[in-house]
Protein backbone atom coordinates (compact mmCIF):
# COMPACT_ATOMS: atom_id res chain seq x y z
CA MET A 1 -0.06 0.01 0.05
CA PRO A 2 2.60 2.64 0.78
CA ILE A 3 4.22 2.19 -2.62
CA ASP A 4 0.89 2.81 -4.29
CA MET A 5 0.23 6.03 -2.41
CA LYS A 6 3.90 7.09 -3.24
CA ASN A 7 3.15 6.53 -6.89
CA ARG A 8 -0.09 8.46 -6.81
CA GLY A 9 1.65 11.37 -4.93
CA LEU A 10 4.46 11.35 -7.54
CA ALA A 11 2.01 11.29 -10.39
CA ALA A 12 -0.08 14.08 -8.84
CA ALA A 13 3.07 16.20 -8.48
CA VAL A 14 4.09 15.63 -12.05
CA LEU A 15 0.65 16.53 -13.23
CA LEU A 16 0.57 19.74 -11.19
CA ALA A 17 4.08 20.69 -12.40
CA SER A 18 3.12 20.12 -16.10
CA LEU A 19 -0.07 22.08 -15.71
CA LEU A 20 1.79 25.02 -14.21
CA ALA A 21 4.49 24.83 -16.99
CA LEU A 22 1.75 24.72 -19.68
CA GLY A 23 -0.22 27.48 -18.03
CA GLY A 24 2.74 29.83 -18.44
CA CYS A 25 2.52 29.32 -22.29
CA SER A 26 -0.87 31.07 -22.52
CA SER A 27 0.35 34.47 -21.58
CA THR A 28 1.63 36.61 -24.36
CA ILE A 29 5.34 37.47 -23.85
CA ALA A 30 5.25 40.46 -26.10
CA ASP A 31 2.73 42.32 -23.96
CA MET A 32 4.81 41.56 -20.84
CA ALA A 33 8.17 42.75 -22.24
CA MET A 34 7.09 45.86 -24.15
CA PRO A 35 9.60 48.78 -23.97
CA ALA A 36 8.40 52.03 -22.55
CA ASP A 37 8.91 54.00 -25.79
CA ALA A 38 7.18 51.48 -27.94
CA PRO A 39 3.85 52.72 -29.47
CA ALA A 40 0.74 51.14 -28.19
CA ARG A 41 -0.56 48.17 -30.00
CA GLN A 42 -3.88 48.62 -31.69
CA LYS A 43 -6.49 46.15 -30.35
CA ASP A 44 -8.63 44.92 -33.16
CA ALA A 45 -12.25 44.41 -32.41
CA ASN A 46 -12.52 40.90 -33.98
CA GLY A 47 -8.85 40.04 -34.09
CA TYR A 48 -9.13 38.53 -37.76
CA LEU A 49 -7.35 39.67 -40.90
CA PRO A 50 -9.64 41.21 -43.52
CA VAL A 51 -9.51 38.25 -45.95
CA HIS A 52 -12.65 39.30 -47.79
CA ASP A 53 -11.44 42.74 -48.57
CA LEU A 54 -10.09 42.28 -52.10
CA PRO A 55 -8.24 44.84 -54.20
CA PRO A 56 -10.07 46.37 -57.12
CA ASP A 57 -9.79 44.61 -60.48
CA ARG A 58 -7.22 45.67 -62.89
CA ALA A 59 -8.19 47.76 -65.95
CA ASP A 60 -5.59 46.19 -68.36
CA PRO A 61 -4.16 42.61 -68.26
CA THR A 62 -0.82 42.25 -66.74
CA ILE A 63 0.77 40.50 -69.84
CA LYS A 64 -0.49 41.35 -73.22
CA PRO A 65 -1.87 38.35 -75.33
CA ALA A 66 0.95 38.52 -77.96
CA ASP A 67 3.59 38.34 -75.14
CA GLN A 68 1.84 35.52 -73.42
CA ALA A 69 1.77 33.54 -76.76
CA LYS A 70 5.51 34.24 -77.19
CA ILE A 71 6.30 32.96 -73.69
CA GLU A 72 4.18 29.88 -74.15
CA GLN A 73 6.03 29.10 -77.43
CA GLU A 74 9.38 29.44 -75.72
CA LEU A 75 8.24 27.19 -72.92
CA ILE A 76 6.99 24.56 -75.38
CA ALA A 77 10.39 24.74 -77.27
CA ALA A 78 12.26 24.36 -73.95
CA ARG A 79 10.14 21.33 -72.99
CA ALA A 80 10.92 19.84 -76.39
CA ARG A 81 14.64 20.39 -76.02
CA GLN A 82 14.57 18.78 -72.54
CA ALA A 83 12.60 15.78 -73.87
CA SER A 84 15.10 15.20 -76.75
CA THR A 85 18.14 15.62 -74.35
CA ALA A 86 16.54 13.13 -71.90
CA ALA A 87 15.80 10.65 -74.72
CA GLN A 88 19.43 10.86 -75.96
CA ALA A 89 20.80 10.41 -72.34
CA GLY A 90 18.54 7.38 -71.83
CA LYS A 91 19.91 5.48 -74.75
């Protein structure tokens, strides 16, 4: 019996120590160690980023269609060169 009580006491002490250690992780260190000359942090009402606030649509496309076609042809040519090089190396 005394060994069982000793194990229970040890388990309770370990549980208490782990709860205290994990409880310290819940505080924000940035708020505790703020320098005196730092500007006050703005507290947001809801705390979430505005993910639904999208920028306005662009008036003109970023790449002109002619330039896009030229880039696509260059990529196709590069892919063909890589395929032929790989085929020659595989022989």
